[in-house]
Amino acid sequence: MKREKIYIDGIPAIIWGEKSDKAYIYVHGKMQRKEDAKDFAEIAERKGYQTISFDLPEHGERKNENYPCNIWNGICDLNKTGNYVFDNWVNVFLYGCSLGAYFALNAYCERNIEKCLFLSHVVDMEFLIHNMFKWFNVTEEELFEKKEIEIPVDILSWDYYRYVCENPVRKWDIPTHILYGGNDNMQSPEVIKKFAEKHNCKLSISENSEHSFISKGDKEVLMKWLSDNV
C-alpha cells in the first residue's frame, strides 16, 4: 500500500493509504514503532481512511535520542501530531495501544475526535505502578527517597508517579471501542469495566488473550475486531 515518510516537527511519521479527508492517528504501544501500523492501515484504507503513525520517544528511529518516553514528552508529541492531522484532514479518528492509549487519554480528551479504538489500553496508570511496586518489591517510600528506581521492565520515577496520582483520567467523551485481553496483567478486568461504564465505551473481551495480543489466535481476534469497528 502507499506510504509516505514525513517528519512532524522532527517526529518520524508515516502517512499510509490513498488520499482521503478521513484519517486515523495511530499511537503505538511500548516496544513498538510506527511501522507496526501496517495491518491496521490496510483495514482502514479499505474503509476509506488514511492512517498517520509516528514513533513515540525512545522507540523506532528515536531509540537513541536523549528524550525519555514519559507522560510529559508523550503528551507533547501527541499534541504535535494531533495539530498536524487536524490541520490536514477534515475528519479525525484515533487508534491507541497500551501505553500509547494512556498518553492519548491525557493528550486528546479535549480534541474533536470522532471515534476511538483502544487495544489493551492503560486507563489507570496508578494501578499499574502499584502492581510494579508489588512485582519488584519497591515501596512508595523508597521511590520518594531515590526519585528513580530501575526495574527489569522500566524505570520507576517519583515525578511520573506523582503526576499519575494527581491526574487520573476524568474526562473522555469520545465514542470508544475497547478490546481487552482476559489475561491482561497490566489492568484488571474491574479497572477496564469501570472505565468503560463511566465513559460509555463498547467493551470487547478476548478471554484467553494477554496484554500483548501476540499468542496463537490473537491476531485473528484483533483483525476481526478492527474490521468490525474501524
Protein backbone atom coordinates (compact mmCIF):
# COMPACT_ATOMS: atom_id res chain seq x y z
CA MET A 1 0.00 0.00 0.00
CA LYS A 2 1.03 3.60 -0.43
CA ARG A 3 3.11 5.07 2.38
CA GLU A 4 4.82 8.45 2.69
CA LYS A 5 7.60 9.07 5.21
CA ILE A 6 7.40 12.51 6.80
CA TYR A 7 8.60 14.40 9.87
CA ILE A 8 6.12 16.20 12.09
CA ASP A 9 8.07 18.86 13.94
CA GLY A 10 11.04 16.48 13.95
CA ILE A 11 9.00 13.36 14.82
CA PRO A 12 9.42 10.50 12.28
CA ALA A 13 6.00 9.54 10.92
CA ILE A 14 4.28 7.68 8.08
CA ILE A 15 1.15 8.61 6.15
CA TRP A 16 -0.50 5.39 4.99
CA GLY A 17 -3.02 4.94 2.18
CA GLU A 18 -4.55 6.85 -0.71
CA LYS A 19 -5.65 10.44 -0.18
CA SER A 20 -8.80 10.86 1.90
CA ASP A 21 -10.49 13.51 4.02
CA LYS A 22 -10.65 10.97 6.86
CA ALA A 23 -7.65 9.85 8.90
CA TYR A 24 -6.75 7.79 11.96
CA ILE A 25 -4.00 8.90 14.32
CA TYR A 26 -2.23 5.65 15.26
CA VAL A 27 -0.45 5.69 18.64
CA HIS A 28 1.61 2.53 19.18
CA GLY A 29 2.44 0.87 22.49
CA LYS A 30 5.65 0.19 24.39
CA MET A 31 8.37 -1.66 22.43
CA GLN A 32 6.59 -0.94 19.14
CA ARG A 33 7.17 1.54 16.33
CA LYS A 34 5.35 3.45 13.59
CA GLU A 35 5.80 0.65 11.04
CA ASP A 36 3.62 -1.63 13.18
CA ALA A 37 0.60 0.30 11.92
CA LYS A 38 0.68 -1.58 8.59
CA ASP A 39 -2.07 -4.15 9.28
CA PHE A 40 -4.31 -1.50 10.80
CA ALA A 41 -3.66 0.91 7.94
CA GLU A 42 -4.63 -1.71 5.34
CA ILE A 43 -8.00 -2.25 7.02
CA ALA A 44 -8.50 1.49 7.43
CA GLU A 45 -7.70 2.16 3.77
CA ARG A 46 -10.29 -0.38 2.61
CA LYS A 47 -12.84 1.63 4.58
CA GLY A 48 -11.75 4.98 3.14
CA TYR A 49 -9.34 6.22 5.82
CA GLN A 50 -5.71 7.21 5.79
CA THR A 51 -3.53 6.45 8.83
CA ILE A 52 -0.81 8.57 10.40
CA SER A 53 1.59 6.66 12.64
CA PHE A 54 4.68 8.03 14.39
CA ASP A 55 7.47 6.91 16.71
CA LEU A 56 6.97 7.63 20.40
CA PRO A 57 10.05 8.84 22.32
CA GLU A 58 12.72 6.10 22.73
CA HIS A 59 11.03 3.98 20.05
CA GLY A 60 11.71 3.22 16.40
CA GLU A 61 14.02 5.81 14.84
CA ARG A 62 14.12 7.69 18.14
CA LYS A 63 15.75 4.99 20.28
CA ASN A 64 18.99 6.91 20.67
CA GLU A 65 17.51 10.32 21.39
CA ASN A 66 18.04 11.84 24.82
CA TYR A 67 14.30 12.33 25.17
CA PRO A 68 12.59 9.92 27.58
CA CYS A 69 9.25 8.26 26.93
CA ASN A 70 7.41 9.82 29.85
CA ILE A 71 3.97 11.35 30.23
CA TRP A 72 5.11 14.92 29.54
CA ASN A 73 7.01 14.11 26.34
CA GLY A 74 4.27 11.73 25.27
CA ILE A 75 1.59 14.39 25.61
CA CYS A 76 3.81 16.93 23.82
CA ASP A 77 4.42 14.63 20.84
CA LEU A 78 0.78 13.53 20.60
CA ASN A 79 -0.26 17.17 20.53
CA LYS A 80 2.26 17.98 17.79
CA THR A 81 0.95 15.05 15.75
CA GLY A 82 -2.65 15.93 16.53
CA ASN A 83 -2.14 19.52 15.38
CA TYR A 84 -0.71 18.28 12.08
CA VAL A 85 -3.54 15.84 11.47
CA PHE A 86 -6.30 18.30 12.37
CA ASP A 87 -4.71 20.88 10.05
CA ASN A 88 -4.64 18.48 7.10
CA TRP A 89 -7.71 16.22 7.42
CA VAL A 90 -11.40 17.00 7.82
CA ASN A 91 -12.44 14.01 9.93
CA VAL A 92 -10.06 12.67 12.57
CA PHE A 93 -10.20 9.31 14.36
CA LEU A 94 -7.90 7.61 16.87
CA TYR A 95 -6.31 4.22 17.49
CA GLY A 96 -4.23 3.73 20.64
CA CYS A 97 -2.48 0.71 22.11
CA SER A 98 -1.34 0.15 25.71
CA LEU A 99 0.94 3.00 26.86
CA GLY A 100 0.12 4.95 23.70
CA ALA A 101 -3.55 4.79 24.62
CA TYR A 102 -2.73 6.16 28.08
CA PHE A 103 -0.88 9.09 26.53
CA ALA A 104 -3.87 9.66 24.24
CA LEU A 105 -6.29 9.77 27.19
CA ASN A 106 -4.20 12.60 28.62
CA ALA A 107 -3.46 14.46 25.39
CA TYR A 108 -6.69 14.21 23.39
CA CYS A 109 -9.56 14.47 25.88
CA GLU A 110 -10.49 17.93 24.55
CA ARG A 111 -9.96 17.15 20.86
CA ASN A 112 -12.75 16.82 18.33
CA ILE A 113 -12.02 13.17 17.56
CA GLU A 114 -14.97 11.34 16.01
CA LYS A 115 -14.25 7.79 17.17
CA CYS A 116 -11.56 5.95 19.07
CA LEU A 117 -10.33 2.35 19.16
CA PHE A 118 -8.21 1.20 22.11
CA LEU A 119 -6.31 -2.10 22.33
CA SER A 120 -5.01 -3.32 25.72
CA HIS A 121 -5.07 0.26 26.86
CA VAL A 122 -3.79 1.50 30.19
CA VAL A 123 -6.60 3.52 31.75
CA ASP A 124 -5.30 3.59 35.31
CA MET A 125 -1.54 4.10 35.46
CA GLU A 126 -1.57 4.38 39.25
CA PHE A 127 -2.99 0.84 39.42
CA LEU A 128 -0.21 -0.41 37.13
CA ILE A 129 2.57 1.32 39.08
CA HIS A 130 1.25 -0.11 42.34
CA ASN A 131 1.41 -3.56 40.73
CA MET A 132 5.01 -2.88 39.75
CA PHE A 133 5.75 -1.99 43.37
CA LYS A 134 4.49 -5.45 44.35
CA TRP A 135 6.16 -7.35 41.50
CA PHE A 136 9.61 -5.85 42.14
CA ASN A 137 9.47 -5.26 45.91
CA VAL A 138 9.60 -1.47 45.74
CA THR A 139 7.85 0.80 48.21
CA GLU A 140 6.48 4.30 47.73
CA GLU A 141 8.86 5.49 50.44
CA GLU A 142 11.88 4.05 48.59
CA LEU A 143 10.83 5.72 45.36
CA PHE A 144 10.39 9.05 47.14
CA GLU A 145 13.88 8.80 48.61
CA LYS A 146 15.67 7.66 45.45
CA LYS A 147 13.48 9.55 42.91
CA GLU A 148 14.22 6.87 40.28
CA ILE A 149 14.48 3.10 40.61
CA GLU A 150 15.41 0.84 37.71
CA ILE A 151 13.36 -2.36 37.50
CA PRO A 152 13.61 -5.12 34.86
CA VAL A 153 10.79 -3.70 32.71
CA ASP A 154 11.23 0.06 33.15
CA ILE A 155 12.48 2.88 35.34
CA LEU A 156 10.12 3.95 38.11
CA SER A 157 10.09 7.72 38.56
CA TRP A 158 8.78 9.61 41.57
CA ASP A 159 7.76 12.63 39.46
CA TYR A 160 5.90 10.40 36.99
CA TYR A 161 4.20 8.55 39.84
CA ARG A 162 3.07 11.79 41.47
CA TYR A 163 1.72 13.09 38.16
CA VAL A 164 -0.26 9.88 37.66
CA CYS A 165 -1.72 10.01 41.17
CA GLU A 166 -2.69 13.66 40.85
CA ASN A 167 -4.07 13.46 37.31
CA PRO A 168 -6.40 10.46 36.93
CA VAL A 169 -8.42 10.29 33.73
CA ARG A 170 -11.58 12.24 34.49
CA LYS A 171 -12.95 13.18 31.07
CA TRP A 172 -13.31 11.04 27.94
CA ASP A 173 -16.36 11.85 25.81
CA ILE A 174 -15.16 10.35 22.52
CA PRO A 175 -17.17 7.33 21.27
CA THR A 176 -14.78 4.47 22.04
CA HIS A 177 -14.42 0.76 21.34
CA ILE A 178 -12.09 -1.25 23.59
CA LEU A 179 -10.52 -4.68 23.02
CA TYR A 180 -9.14 -6.17 26.23
CA GLY A 181 -7.46 -9.49 26.93
CA GLY A 182 -8.99 -11.50 29.76
CA ASN A 183 -5.48 -12.50 30.94
CA ASP A 184 -4.07 -8.96 30.82
CA ASN A 185 -1.97 -8.44 33.97
CA MET A 186 -1.42 -4.71 33.37
CA GLN A 187 -5.00 -3.68 34.07
CA SER A 188 -7.58 -5.75 35.92
CA PRO A 189 -10.99 -6.57 34.41
CA GLU A 190 -12.55 -4.43 37.16
CA VAL A 191 -10.45 -1.40 36.18
CA ILE A 192 -11.31 -1.75 32.48
CA LYS A 193 -15.01 -2.38 33.09
CA LYS A 194 -15.23 0.60 35.44
CA PHE A 195 -13.66 2.86 32.80
CA ALA A 196 -15.89 1.51 30.04
CA GLU A 197 -19.04 2.01 32.08
CA LYS A 198 -18.08 5.50 33.25
CA HIS A 199 -17.25 6.72 29.75
CA ASN A 200 -19.88 4.74 27.79
CA CYS A 201 -17.34 2.67 25.86
CA LYS A 202 -18.12 -0.52 23.96
CA LEU A 203 -16.00 -3.22 25.58
CA SER A 204 -14.97 -6.48 23.90
CA ILE A 205 -13.07 -9.08 25.93
CA SER A 206 -10.91 -11.79 24.38
CA GLU A 207 -10.95 -14.16 27.34
CA ASN A 208 -7.73 -16.08 26.60
CA SER A 209 -5.60 -13.16 25.40
CA GLU A 210 -2.82 -11.44 27.31
CA HIS A 211 -1.81 -7.78 27.22
CA SER A 212 0.46 -8.19 24.21
CA PHE A 213 -2.09 -9.94 21.93
CA ILE A 214 0.67 -12.00 20.28
CA SER A 215 -0.33 -15.53 21.27
CA LYS A 216 -1.89 -18.10 18.94
CA GLY A 217 -5.23 -16.89 17.62
CA ASP A 218 -4.81 -13.33 18.91
CA LYS A 219 -4.12 -11.78 15.52
CA GLU A 220 -7.34 -13.23 14.10
CA VAL A 221 -9.29 -11.84 17.05
CA LEU A 222 -7.68 -8.41 16.62
CA MET A 223 -8.17 -8.27 12.84
CA LYS A 224 -11.85 -9.19 13.14
CA TRP A 225 -12.38 -6.58 15.86
CA LEU A 226 -10.69 -3.94 13.73
CA SER A 227 -12.68 -4.94 10.63
CA ASP A 228 -15.91 -4.65 12.61
CA ASN A 229 -15.11 -1.31 14.25
CA VAL A 230 -12.81 0.84 12.10
